[in-house]
Amino acid sequence: TLSDDQAMAPGMNLSQFKQVTVVARISRSGQPVAQPGDWQGLLEPVANRVDDVLQLTINQPVAAEG
């Protein structure tokens, strides 16, 4: 269950938004910022008030920027 406690920045409550993007990442380096070699999956847009269980598959490699 996501709540305002999981907001990524202070003062940015999830409840302020009608839709959100849900991202899950496996980090090879252990760092929170996506880096080449990490894997991720995302769902967007997701209604903020959805009661359903969401299924997110981590199946996308994070590519190098450039």
PDB file of N, CA and C in Angstrom:
ATOM      1  N   THR A   1       0.840  -1.172   0.000  1.00  0.00           N
ATOM      2  CA  THR A   1       0.000   0.000   0.000  1.00  0.00           C
ATOM      3  C   THR A   1       0.888   1.238   0.000  1.00  0.00           C
ATOM      4  N   LEU A   2       0.644   2.138  -0.925  1.00  0.00           N
ATOM      5  CA  LEU A   2       1.387   3.387  -0.975  1.00  0.00           C
ATOM      6  C   LEU A   2       0.602   4.472  -0.254  1.00  0.00           C
ATOM      7  N   SER A   3       1.331   5.337   0.431  1.00  0.00           N
ATOM      8  CA  SER A   3       0.711   6.457   1.127  1.00  0.00           C
ATOM      9  C   SER A   3       1.635   7.666   1.014  1.00  0.00           C
ATOM     10  N   ASP A   4       1.244   8.764   1.624  1.00  0.00           N
ATOM     11  CA  ASP A   4       2.078   9.969   1.603  1.00  0.00           C
ATOM     12  C   ASP A   4       3.445   9.718   2.237  1.00  0.00           C
ATOM     13  N   ASP A   5       3.564   8.697   3.056  1.00  0.00           N
ATOM     14  CA  ASP A   5       4.847   8.368   3.687  1.00  0.00           C
ATOM     15  C   ASP A   5       5.895   7.927   2.669  1.00  0.00           C
ATOM     16  N   GLN A   6       5.472   7.449   1.493  1.00  0.00           N
ATOM     17  CA  GLN A   6       6.421   6.975   0.482  1.00  0.00           C
ATOM     18  C   GLN A   6       6.787   8.041  -0.559  1.00  0.00           C
ATOM     19  N   ALA A   7       6.379   9.270  -0.368  1.00  0.00           N
ATOM     20  CA  ALA A   7       6.708  10.330  -1.323  1.00  0.00           C
ATOM     21  C   ALA A   7       8.222  10.472  -1.425  1.00  0.00           C
ATOM     22  N   MET A   8       8.702  10.774  -2.634  1.00  0.00           N
ATOM     23  CA  MET A   8      10.139  10.856  -2.882  1.00  0.00           C
ATOM     24  C   MET A   8      10.776  12.164  -2.398  1.00  0.00           C
ATOM     25  N   ALA A   9       9.982  13.184  -2.145  1.00  0.00           N
ATOM     26  CA  ALA A   9      10.521  14.465  -1.716  1.00  0.00           C
ATOM     27  C   ALA A   9       9.664  15.023  -0.583  1.00  0.00           C
ATOM     28  N   PRO A  10      10.288  15.667   0.382  1.00  0.00           N
ATOM     29  CA  PRO A  10       9.515  16.268   1.475  1.00  0.00           C
ATOM     30  C   PRO A  10       8.487  17.257   0.936  1.00  0.00           C
ATOM     31  N   GLY A  11       7.279  17.193   1.456  1.00  0.00           N
ATOM     32  CA  GLY A  11       6.229  18.113   1.043  1.00  0.00           C
ATOM     33  C   GLY A  11       5.499  17.715  -0.224  1.00  0.00           C
ATOM     34  N   MET A  12       5.949  16.665  -0.887  1.00  0.00           N
ATOM     35  CA  MET A  12       5.298  16.187  -2.111  1.00  0.00           C
ATOM     36  C   MET A  12       4.496  14.940  -1.764  1.00  0.00           C
ATOM     37  N   ASN A  13       3.272  15.119  -1.339  1.00  0.00           N
ATOM     38  CA  ASN A  13       2.432  14.009  -0.924  1.00  0.00           C
ATOM     39  C   ASN A  13       1.807  13.320  -2.129  1.00  0.00           C
ATOM     40  N   LEU A  14       1.796  11.993  -2.111  1.00  0.00           N
ATOM     41  CA  LEU A  14       1.180  11.234  -3.198  1.00  0.00           C
ATOM     42  C   LEU A  14      -0.293  11.577  -3.352  1.00  0.00           C
ATOM     43  N   SER A  15      -0.951  11.903  -2.263  1.00  0.00           N
ATOM     44  CA  SER A  15      -2.381  12.209  -2.309  1.00  0.00           C
ATOM     45  C   SER A  15      -2.689  13.487  -3.088  1.00  0.00           C
ATOM     46  N   GLN A  16      -1.686  14.283  -3.424  1.00  0.00           N
ATOM     47  CA  GLN A  16      -1.890  15.505  -4.199  1.00  0.00           C
ATOM     48  C   GLN A  16      -2.119  15.217  -5.683  1.00  0.00           C
ATOM     49  N   PHE A  17      -1.844  14.009  -6.113  1.00  0.00           N
ATOM     50  CA  PHE A  17      -1.865  13.692  -7.536  1.00  0.00           C
ATOM     51  C   PHE A  17      -2.958  12.681  -7.859  1.00  0.00           C
ATOM     52  N   LYS A  18      -3.611  12.856  -9.007  1.00  0.00           N
ATOM     53  CA  LYS A  18      -4.644  11.920  -9.450  1.00  0.00           C
ATOM     54  C   LYS A  18      -4.034  10.634 -10.003  1.00  0.00           C
ATOM     55  N   GLN A  19      -2.849  10.761 -10.615  1.00  0.00           N
ATOM     56  CA  GLN A  19      -2.163   9.612 -11.190  1.00  0.00           C
ATOM     57  C   GLN A  19      -0.695   9.644 -10.783  1.00  0.00           C
ATOM     58  N   VAL A  20      -0.103   8.464 -10.714  1.00  0.00           N
ATOM     59  CA  VAL A  20       1.315   8.350 -10.361  1.00  0.00           C
ATOM     60  C   VAL A  20       1.980   7.348 -11.298  1.00  0.00           C
ATOM     61  N   THR A  21       3.295   7.344 -11.316  1.00  0.00           N
ATOM     62  CA  THR A  21       4.092   6.337 -11.993  1.00  0.00           C
ATOM     63  C   THR A  21       4.727   5.467 -10.928  1.00  0.00           C
ATOM     64  N   VAL A  22       4.562   4.155 -11.041  1.00  0.00           N
ATOM     65  CA  VAL A  22       5.141   3.216 -10.095  1.00  0.00           C
ATOM     66  C   VAL A  22       6.374   2.594 -10.759  1.00  0.00           C
ATOM     67  N   VAL A  23       7.538   2.724 -10.118  1.00  0.00           N
ATOM     68  CA  VAL A  23       8.795   2.210 -10.658  1.00  0.00           C
ATOM     69  C   VAL A  23       9.439   1.321  -9.606  1.00  0.00           C
ATOM     70  N   ALA A  24       9.939   0.183 -10.053  1.00  0.00           N
ATOM     71  CA  ALA A  24      10.750  -0.683  -9.189  1.00  0.00           C
ATOM     72  C   ALA A  24      12.053  -0.951  -9.931  1.00  0.00           C
ATOM     73  N   ARG A  25      13.161  -0.921  -9.201  1.00  0.00           N
ATOM     74  CA  ARG A  25      14.467  -1.059  -9.842  1.00  0.00           C
ATOM     75  C   ARG A  25      15.349  -1.988  -9.016  1.00  0.00           C
ATOM     76  N   ILE A  26      16.129  -2.789  -9.723  1.00  0.00           N
ATOM     77  CA  ILE A  26      17.185  -3.576  -9.092  1.00  0.00           C
ATOM     78  C   ILE A  26      18.488  -2.887  -9.445  1.00  0.00           C
ATOM     79  N   SER A  27      19.205  -2.432  -8.433  1.00  0.00           N
ATOM     80  CA  SER A  27      20.420  -1.658  -8.631  1.00  0.00           C
ATOM     81  C   SER A  27      21.650  -2.529  -8.409  1.00  0.00           C
ATOM     82  N   ARG A  28      22.513  -2.579  -9.396  1.00  0.00           N
ATOM     83  CA  ARG A  28      23.756  -3.343  -9.257  1.00  0.00           C
ATOM     84  C   ARG A  28      24.700  -2.673  -8.271  1.00  0.00           C
ATOM     85  N   SER A  29      24.669  -1.330  -8.215  1.00  0.00           N
ATOM     86  CA  SER A  29      25.600  -0.586  -7.363  1.00  0.00           C
ATOM     87  C   SER A  29      25.040  -0.323  -5.970  1.00  0.00           C
ATOM     88  N   GLY A  30      23.731  -0.506  -5.797  1.00  0.00           N
ATOM     89  CA  GLY A  30      23.103  -0.193  -4.519  1.00  0.00           C
ATOM     90  C   GLY A  30      22.706   1.269  -4.392  1.00  0.00           C
ATOM     91  N   GLN A  31      22.905   2.060  -5.449  1.00  0.00           N
ATOM     92  CA  GLN A  31      22.561   3.480  -5.425  1.00  0.00           C
ATOM     93  C   GLN A  31      21.095   3.665  -5.833  1.00  0.00           C
ATOM     94  N   PRO A  32      20.424   4.697  -5.283  1.00  0.00           N
ATOM     95  CA  PRO A  32      19.005   4.906  -5.592  1.00  0.00           C
ATOM     96  C   PRO A  32      18.736   5.505  -6.968  1.00  0.00           C
ATOM     97  N   VAL A  33      19.733   6.113  -7.585  1.00  0.00           N
ATOM     98  CA  VAL A  33      19.561   6.734  -8.903  1.00  0.00           C
ATOM     99  C   VAL A  33      19.851   5.687  -9.975  1.00  0.00           C
ATOM    100  N   ALA A  34      18.997   5.614 -10.994  1.00  0.00           N
ATOM    101  CA  ALA A  34      19.174   4.641 -12.071  1.00  0.00           C
ATOM    102  C   ALA A  34      20.516   4.826 -12.759  1.00  0.00           C
ATOM    103  N   GLN A  35      21.200   3.702 -12.972  1.00  0.00           N
ATOM    104  CA  GLN A  35      22.495   3.708 -13.640  1.00  0.00           C
ATOM    105  C   GLN A  35      22.530   2.579 -14.658  1.00  0.00           C
ATOM    106  N   PRO A  36      23.355   2.735 -15.716  1.00  0.00           N
ATOM    107  CA  PRO A  36      23.478   1.650 -16.692  1.00  0.00           C
ATOM    108  C   PRO A  36      23.816   0.335 -15.979  1.00  0.00           C
ATOM    109  N   GLY A  37      23.167  -0.740 -16.410  1.00  0.00           N
ATOM    110  CA  GLY A  37      23.373  -2.041 -15.792  1.00  0.00           C
ATOM    111  C   GLY A  37      22.284  -2.405 -14.798  1.00  0.00           C
ATOM    112  N   ASP A  38      21.519  -1.399 -14.340  1.00  0.00           N
ATOM    113  CA  ASP A  38      20.369  -1.672 -13.471  1.00  0.00           C
ATOM    114  C   ASP A  38      19.226  -2.208 -14.325  1.00  0.00           C
ATOM    115  N   TRP A  39      18.262  -2.838 -13.673  1.00  0.00           N
ATOM    116  CA  TRP A  39      17.042  -3.304 -14.327  1.00  0.00           C
ATOM    117  C   TRP A  39      15.863  -2.648 -13.650  1.00  0.00           C
ATOM    118  N   GLN A  40      14.820  -2.331 -14.428  1.00  0.00           N
ATOM    119  CA  GLN A  40      13.651  -1.686 -13.853  1.00  0.00           C
ATOM    120  C   GLN A  40      12.384  -2.081 -14.582  1.00  0.00           C
ATOM    121  N   GLY A  41      11.290  -1.782 -13.946  1.00  0.00           N
ATOM    122  CA  GLY A  41       9.975  -1.940 -14.534  1.00  0.00           C
ATOM    123  C   GLY A  41       9.136  -0.761 -14.087  1.00  0.00           C
ATOM    124  N   LEU A  42       8.146  -0.380 -14.891  1.00  0.00           N
ATOM    125  CA  LEU A  42       7.298   0.729 -14.495  1.00  0.00           C
ATOM    126  C   LEU A  42       5.885   0.543 -14.996  1.00  0.00           C
ATOM    127  N   LEU A  43       4.987   1.154 -14.263  1.00  0.00           N
ATOM    128  CA  LEU A  43       3.579   1.213 -14.633  1.00  0.00           C
ATOM    129  C   LEU A  43       3.179   2.682 -14.631  1.00  0.00           C
ATOM    130  N   GLU A  44       2.562   3.120 -15.725  1.00  0.00           N
ATOM    131  CA  GLU A  44       2.082   4.501 -15.776  1.00  0.00           C
ATOM    132  C   GLU A  44       0.993   4.641 -16.814  1.00  0.00           C
ATOM    133  N   PRO A  45       0.077   5.488 -16.629  1.00  0.00           N
ATOM    134  CA  PRO A  45      -0.276   6.131 -15.366  1.00  0.00           C
ATOM    135  C   PRO A  45      -1.098   5.164 -14.509  1.00  0.00           C
ATOM    136  N   VAL A  46      -0.970   5.313 -13.223  1.00  0.00           N
ATOM    137  CA  VAL A  46      -1.739   4.517 -12.260  1.00  0.00           C
ATOM    138  C   VAL A  46      -2.613   5.483 -11.476  1.00  0.00           C
ATOM    139  N   ALA A  47      -3.905   5.225 -11.446  1.00  0.00           N
ATOM    140  CA  ALA A  47      -4.810   6.076 -10.673  1.00  0.00           C
ATOM    141  C   ALA A  47      -4.417   6.014  -9.204  1.00  0.00           C
ATOM    142  N   ASN A  48      -4.335   7.151  -8.577  1.00  0.00           N
ATOM    143  CA  ASN A  48      -3.883   7.239  -7.191  1.00  0.00           C
ATOM    144  C   ASN A  48      -4.812   6.519  -6.217  1.00  0.00           C
ATOM    145  N   ARG A  49      -6.053   6.367  -6.550  1.00  0.00           N
ATOM    146  CA  ARG A  49      -7.025   5.773  -5.629  1.00  0.00           C
ATOM    147  C   ARG A  49      -7.386   4.332  -6.000  1.00  0.00           C
ATOM    148  N   VAL A  50      -6.572   3.661  -6.789  1.00  0.00           N
ATOM    149  CA  VAL A  50      -6.879   2.298  -7.210  1.00  0.00           C
ATOM    150  C   VAL A  50      -6.726   1.338  -6.021  1.00  0.00           C
ATOM    151  N   ASP A  51      -7.678   0.424  -5.876  1.00  0.00           N
ATOM    152  CA  ASP A  51      -7.634  -0.560  -4.795  1.00  0.00           C
ATOM    153  C   ASP A  51      -7.150  -1.916  -5.280  1.00  0.00           C
ATOM    154  N   ASP A  52      -6.943  -2.065  -6.573  1.00  0.00           N
ATOM    155  CA  ASP A  52      -6.507  -3.335  -7.138  1.00  0.00           C
ATOM    156  C   ASP A  52      -5.041  -3.605  -6.815  1.00  0.00           C
ATOM    157  N   VAL A  53      -4.677  -4.875  -6.855  1.00  0.00           N
ATOM    158  CA  VAL A  53      -3.276  -5.263  -6.738  1.00  0.00           C
ATOM    159  C   VAL A  53      -2.649  -5.051  -8.102  1.00  0.00           C
ATOM    160  N   LEU A  54      -1.532  -4.374  -8.141  1.00  0.00           N
ATOM    161  CA  LEU A  54      -0.838  -4.105  -9.400  1.00  0.00           C
ATOM    162  C   LEU A  54       0.271  -5.131  -9.598  1.00  0.00           C
ATOM    163  N   GLN A  55       0.515  -5.485 -10.845  1.00  0.00           N
ATOM    164  CA  GLN A  55       1.628  -6.389 -11.156  1.00  0.00           C
ATOM    165  C   GLN A  55       2.635  -5.611 -11.975  1.00  0.00           C
ATOM    166  N   LEU A  56       3.832  -5.489 -11.457  1.00  0.00           N
ATOM    167  CA  LEU A  56       4.906  -4.773 -12.130  1.00  0.00           C
ATOM    168  C   LEU A  56       6.008  -5.777 -12.394  1.00  0.00           C
ATOM    169  N   THR A  57       6.455  -5.854 -13.629  1.00  0.00           N
ATOM    170  CA  THR A  57       7.535  -6.769 -14.013  1.00  0.00           C
ATOM    171  C   THR A  57       8.803  -5.973 -14.247  1.00  0.00           C
ATOM    172  N   ILE A  58       9.868  -6.362 -13.592  1.00  0.00           N
ATOM    173  CA  ILE A  58      11.174  -5.719 -13.797  1.00  0.00           C
ATOM    174  C   ILE A  58      11.812  -6.417 -14.981  1.00  0.00           C
ATOM    175  N   ASN A  59      11.754  -5.751 -16.160  1.00  0.00           N
ATOM    176  CA  ASN A  59      12.196  -6.400 -17.387  1.00  0.00           C
ATOM    177  C   ASN A  59      12.889  -5.445 -18.361  1.00  0.00           C
ATOM    178  N   GLN A  60      13.271  -4.274 -17.895  1.00  0.00           N
ATOM    179  CA  GLN A  60      13.885  -3.282 -18.787  1.00  0.00           C
ATOM    180  C   GLN A  60      15.270  -2.911 -18.276  1.00  0.00           C
ATOM    181  N   PRO A  61      16.306  -3.121 -19.103  1.00  0.00           N
ATOM    182  CA  PRO A  61      17.630  -2.670 -18.668  1.00  0.00           C
ATOM    183  C   PRO A  61      17.707  -1.145 -18.739  1.00  0.00           C
ATOM    184  N   VAL A  62      18.400  -0.559 -17.797  1.00  0.00           N
ATOM    185  CA  VAL A  62      18.635   0.885 -17.810  1.00  0.00           C
ATOM    186  C   VAL A  62      19.813   1.133 -18.746  1.00  0.00           C
ATOM    187  N   ALA A  63      19.587   1.913 -19.784  1.00  0.00           N
ATOM    188  CA  ALA A  63      20.612   2.179 -20.787  1.00  0.00           C
ATOM    189  C   ALA A  63      21.452   3.384 -20.394  1.00  0.00           C
ATOM    190  N   ALA A  64      22.638   3.452 -20.950  1.00  0.00           N
ATOM    191  CA  ALA A  64      23.525   4.598 -20.740  1.00  0.00           C
ATOM    192  C   ALA A  64      22.913   5.820 -21.407  1.00  0.00           C
ATOM    193  N   GLU A  65      23.020   6.967 -20.746  1.00  0.00           N
ATOM    194  CA  GLU A  65      22.529   8.219 -21.342  1.00  0.00           C
ATOM    195  C   GLU A  65      23.502   8.669 -22.411  1.00  0.00           C
ATOM    196  N   GLY A  66      22.963   9.341 -23.382  1.00  0.00           N
ATOM    197  CA  GLY A  66      23.868   9.858 -24.381  1.00  0.00           C
ATOM    198  C   GLY A  66      23.262   9.883 -25.666  1.00  0.00           C
TER     199      GLY A  66
END
